[in-house]
Amino acid sequence: MTHETYLYTCIRCPLGCEIQLTEKKGKVIKIEGNICKQGKEYALEEFTNPLRVLTTTVQVAGAEIGRLPVRTVSPIPKNLVSLGAKQLANLVIKAPVKCGQVIIPDFLQTGVDLISSRDLEMKNS
């Protein structure tokens, strides 16, 4: 079996190193191109368990603005981001909402809460 090479641009520090990770049969055999150790850690994490913060908007009823920005408190597995966005597409929450308020605890059973990214007051009648 041949080696497979993956290319990553590290985002851990301002250097933005271009890192090459080489694997064979699912085992990492070489990481090169990183200037600092953070680059090596980044490439390894991207290969073994990539994580992302989910940011999107949800519908909100009873507020001046019809959508509320939300995000996960910390990164979740990258393969769950699309599923999470789909599950939130039809969610409607009620105003008022405070910034940092937990919208969904333990989102997708990841142990990570989904929170509001801003305050939204109730609509004045």
C-alpha atoms as a PDB file:
ATOM      1  CA  MET A   1       0.000   0.000   0.000  1.00  0.00           C
ATOM      2  CA  THR A   2       1.247   3.468  -0.822  1.00  0.00           C
ATOM      3  CA  HIS A   3       1.568   6.438   1.462  1.00  0.00           C
ATOM      4  CA  GLU A   4      -1.143   9.090   1.464  1.00  0.00           C
ATOM      5  CA  THR A   5      -0.226  12.752   1.996  1.00  0.00           C
ATOM      6  CA  TYR A   6      -2.558  15.426   3.376  1.00  0.00           C
ATOM      7  CA  LEU A   7      -1.878  19.144   3.273  1.00  0.00           C
ATOM      8  CA  TYR A   8      -3.000  21.500   6.041  1.00  0.00           C
ATOM      9  CA  THR A   9      -2.542  25.205   6.634  1.00  0.00           C
ATOM     10  CA  CYS A  10      -2.047  25.640  10.353  1.00  0.00           C
ATOM     11  CA  ILE A  11      -4.215  28.284  12.029  1.00  0.00           C
ATOM     12  CA  ARG A  12      -2.802  27.988  15.547  1.00  0.00           C
ATOM     13  CA  CYS A  13      -0.408  30.957  15.235  1.00  0.00           C
ATOM     14  CA  PRO A  14       0.157  33.819  12.751  1.00  0.00           C
ATOM     15  CA  LEU A  15       2.831  31.908  10.790  1.00  0.00           C
ATOM     16  CA  GLY A  16       0.253  29.845   8.855  1.00  0.00           C
ATOM     17  CA  CYS A  17       2.631  26.967   8.156  1.00  0.00           C
ATOM     18  CA  GLU A  18       1.892  24.644   5.251  1.00  0.00           C
ATOM     19  CA  ILE A  19       2.067  21.205   6.832  1.00  0.00           C
ATOM     20  CA  GLN A  20       2.290  17.851   5.105  1.00  0.00           C
ATOM     21  CA  LEU A  21       1.042  14.817   7.001  1.00  0.00           C
ATOM     22  CA  THR A  22       1.875  11.407   5.570  1.00  0.00           C
ATOM     23  CA  GLU A  23       0.036   8.275   6.627  1.00  0.00           C
ATOM     24  CA  LYS A  24       0.055   4.634   5.725  1.00  0.00           C
ATOM     25  CA  LYS A  25      -2.842   2.347   6.612  1.00  0.00           C
ATOM     26  CA  GLY A  26      -4.317   5.019   8.870  1.00  0.00           C
ATOM     27  CA  LYS A  27      -1.102   5.490  10.874  1.00  0.00           C
ATOM     28  CA  VAL A  28       0.722   8.819  10.772  1.00  0.00           C
ATOM     29  CA  ILE A  29       4.296   8.197   9.688  1.00  0.00           C
ATOM     30  CA  LYS A  30       5.528  11.759   9.107  1.00  0.00           C
ATOM     31  CA  ILE A  31       4.550  15.374   9.775  1.00  0.00           C
ATOM     32  CA  GLU A  32       6.673  18.128   8.251  1.00  0.00           C
ATOM     33  CA  GLY A  33       6.530  21.785   7.345  1.00  0.00           C
ATOM     34  CA  ASN A  34       5.626  23.087  10.789  1.00  0.00           C
ATOM     35  CA  ILE A  35       7.864  25.704  12.383  1.00  0.00           C
ATOM     36  CA  CYS A  36       6.505  25.304  15.913  1.00  0.00           C
ATOM     37  CA  LYS A  37       5.112  22.302  17.797  1.00  0.00           C
ATOM     38  CA  GLN A  38       1.584  23.743  17.573  1.00  0.00           C
ATOM     39  CA  GLY A  39       1.630  23.011  13.839  1.00  0.00           C
ATOM     40  CA  LYS A  40       2.380  19.359  14.411  1.00  0.00           C
ATOM     41  CA  GLU A  41      -0.428  19.126  16.979  1.00  0.00           C
ATOM     42  CA  TYR A  42      -2.837  20.921  14.630  1.00  0.00           C
ATOM     43  CA  ALA A  43      -2.135  18.588  11.697  1.00  0.00           C
ATOM     44  CA  LEU A  44      -2.473  15.512  13.897  1.00  0.00           C
ATOM     45  CA  GLU A  45      -5.805  16.730  15.301  1.00  0.00           C
ATOM     46  CA  GLU A  46      -7.104  17.605  11.832  1.00  0.00           C
ATOM     47  CA  PHE A  47      -6.223  14.117  10.633  1.00  0.00           C
ATOM     48  CA  THR A  48      -7.514  12.153  13.625  1.00  0.00           C
ATOM     49  CA  ASN A  49     -10.393  14.224  15.007  1.00  0.00           C
ATOM     50  CA  PRO A  50     -11.169  17.525  13.269  1.00  0.00           C
ATOM     51  CA  LEU A  51     -13.290  19.904  15.363  1.00  0.00           C
ATOM     52  CA  ARG A  52     -15.250  23.040  14.480  1.00  0.00           C
ATOM     53  CA  VAL A  53     -17.364  25.633  16.275  1.00  0.00           C
ATOM     54  CA  LEU A  54     -20.873  25.638  14.805  1.00  0.00           C
ATOM     55  CA  THR A  55     -22.201  29.143  14.191  1.00  0.00           C
ATOM     56  CA  THR A  56     -25.590  29.765  12.622  1.00  0.00           C
ATOM     57  CA  THR A  57     -28.889  31.515  13.247  1.00  0.00           C
ATOM     58  CA  VAL A  58     -32.229  30.222  14.502  1.00  0.00           C
ATOM     59  CA  GLN A  59     -35.713  31.650  14.221  1.00  0.00           C
ATOM     60  CA  VAL A  60     -36.950  33.715  17.131  1.00  0.00           C
ATOM     61  CA  ALA A  61     -40.575  34.566  17.840  1.00  0.00           C
ATOM     62  CA  GLY A  62     -41.716  37.743  19.524  1.00  0.00           C
ATOM     63  CA  ALA A  63     -38.646  39.898  18.829  1.00  0.00           C
ATOM     64  CA  GLU A  64     -37.968  42.884  16.555  1.00  0.00           C
ATOM     65  CA  ILE A  65     -35.471  40.735  14.641  1.00  0.00           C
ATOM     66  CA  GLY A  66     -36.562  37.363  13.270  1.00  0.00           C
ATOM     67  CA  ARG A  67     -33.255  35.499  13.637  1.00  0.00           C
ATOM     68  CA  LEU A  68     -30.901  34.932  16.538  1.00  0.00           C
ATOM     69  CA  PRO A  69     -27.191  34.163  16.092  1.00  0.00           C
ATOM     70  CA  VAL A  70     -26.125  31.068  18.024  1.00  0.00           C
ATOM     71  CA  ARG A  71     -22.920  29.090  18.423  1.00  0.00           C
ATOM     72  CA  THR A  72     -21.473  26.132  20.240  1.00  0.00           C
ATOM     73  CA  VAL A  73     -19.489  27.068  23.349  1.00  0.00           C
ATOM     74  CA  SER A  74     -16.544  25.022  22.104  1.00  0.00           C
ATOM     75  CA  PRO A  75     -15.739  22.960  19.010  1.00  0.00           C
ATOM     76  CA  ILE A  76     -17.680  19.821  18.168  1.00  0.00           C
ATOM     77  CA  PRO A  77     -16.659  17.003  15.806  1.00  0.00           C
ATOM     78  CA  LYS A  78     -16.543  18.332  12.245  1.00  0.00           C
ATOM     79  CA  ASN A  79     -18.708  15.460  10.980  1.00  0.00           C
ATOM     80  CA  LEU A  80     -21.585  16.691  13.216  1.00  0.00           C
ATOM     81  CA  VAL A  81     -21.625  20.309  11.995  1.00  0.00           C
ATOM     82  CA  SER A  82     -23.885  19.662   8.991  1.00  0.00           C
ATOM     83  CA  LEU A  83     -26.266  17.523  11.042  1.00  0.00           C
ATOM     84  CA  GLY A  84     -26.390  20.203  13.724  1.00  0.00           C
ATOM     85  CA  ALA A  85     -27.176  22.942  11.204  1.00  0.00           C
ATOM     86  CA  LYS A  86     -29.990  20.828   9.739  1.00  0.00           C
ATOM     87  CA  GLN A  87     -31.478  20.195  13.183  1.00  0.00           C
ATOM     88  CA  LEU A  88     -31.452  23.923  13.930  1.00  0.00           C
ATOM     89  CA  ALA A  89     -33.066  24.934  10.618  1.00  0.00           C
ATOM     90  CA  ASN A  90     -36.603  24.650  11.994  1.00  0.00           C
ATOM     91  CA  LEU A  91     -35.947  25.576  15.624  1.00  0.00           C
ATOM     92  CA  VAL A  92     -37.974  28.542  16.870  1.00  0.00           C
ATOM     93  CA  ILE A  93     -37.230  30.065  20.254  1.00  0.00           C
ATOM     94  CA  LYS A  94     -39.137  32.780  22.098  1.00  0.00           C
ATOM     95  CA  ALA A  95     -37.862  36.241  23.024  1.00  0.00           C
ATOM     96  CA  PRO A  96     -36.443  37.598  25.241  1.00  0.00           C
ATOM     97  CA  VAL A  97     -32.992  36.000  24.984  1.00  0.00           C
ATOM     98  CA  LYS A  98     -29.762  37.042  26.681  1.00  0.00           C
ATOM     99  CA  CYS A  99     -26.286  36.758  25.181  1.00  0.00           C
ATOM    100  CA  GLY A 100     -24.691  33.561  26.467  1.00  0.00           C
ATOM    101  CA  GLN A 101     -28.035  31.979  27.333  1.00  0.00           C
ATOM    102  CA  VAL A 102     -28.025  28.229  26.773  1.00  0.00           C
ATOM    103  CA  ILE A 103     -30.371  27.432  23.898  1.00  0.00           C
ATOM    104  CA  ILE A 104     -29.698  23.670  23.799  1.00  0.00           C
ATOM    105  CA  PRO A 105     -27.633  21.987  26.521  1.00  0.00           C
ATOM    106  CA  ASP A 106     -25.429  19.052  25.470  1.00  0.00           C
ATOM    107  CA  PHE A 107     -26.005  19.784  21.782  1.00  0.00           C
ATOM    108  CA  LEU A 108     -26.026  16.535  19.756  1.00  0.00           C
ATOM    109  CA  GLN A 109     -24.886  14.677  22.894  1.00  0.00           C
ATOM    110  CA  THR A 110     -21.410  16.222  22.507  1.00  0.00           C
ATOM    111  CA  GLY A 111     -21.256  17.683  26.004  1.00  0.00           C
ATOM    112  CA  VAL A 112     -21.131  21.141  24.396  1.00  0.00           C
ATOM    113  CA  ASP A 113     -23.897  23.710  24.886  1.00  0.00           C
ATOM    114  CA  LEU A 114     -25.414  25.783  22.084  1.00  0.00           C
ATOM    115  CA  ILE A 115     -25.709  29.398  23.242  1.00  0.00           C
ATOM    116  CA  SER A 116     -27.093  32.730  22.073  1.00  0.00           C
ATOM    117  CA  SER A 117     -24.555  35.180  20.637  1.00  0.00           C
ATOM    118  CA  ARG A 118     -26.567  38.317  21.435  1.00  0.00           C
ATOM    119  CA  ASP A 119     -29.405  39.789  23.461  1.00  0.00           C
ATOM    120  CA  LEU A 120     -32.832  39.997  21.842  1.00  0.00           C
ATOM    121  CA  GLU A 121     -35.620  41.801  23.602  1.00  0.00           C
ATOM    122  CA  MET A 122     -39.327  41.214  23.118  1.00  0.00           C
ATOM    123  CA  LYS A 123     -41.062  43.160  20.391  1.00  0.00           C
ATOM    124  CA  ASN A 124     -42.875  46.272  21.602  1.00  0.00           C
ATOM    125  CA  SER A 125     -46.548  46.016  20.772  1.00  0.00           C
END
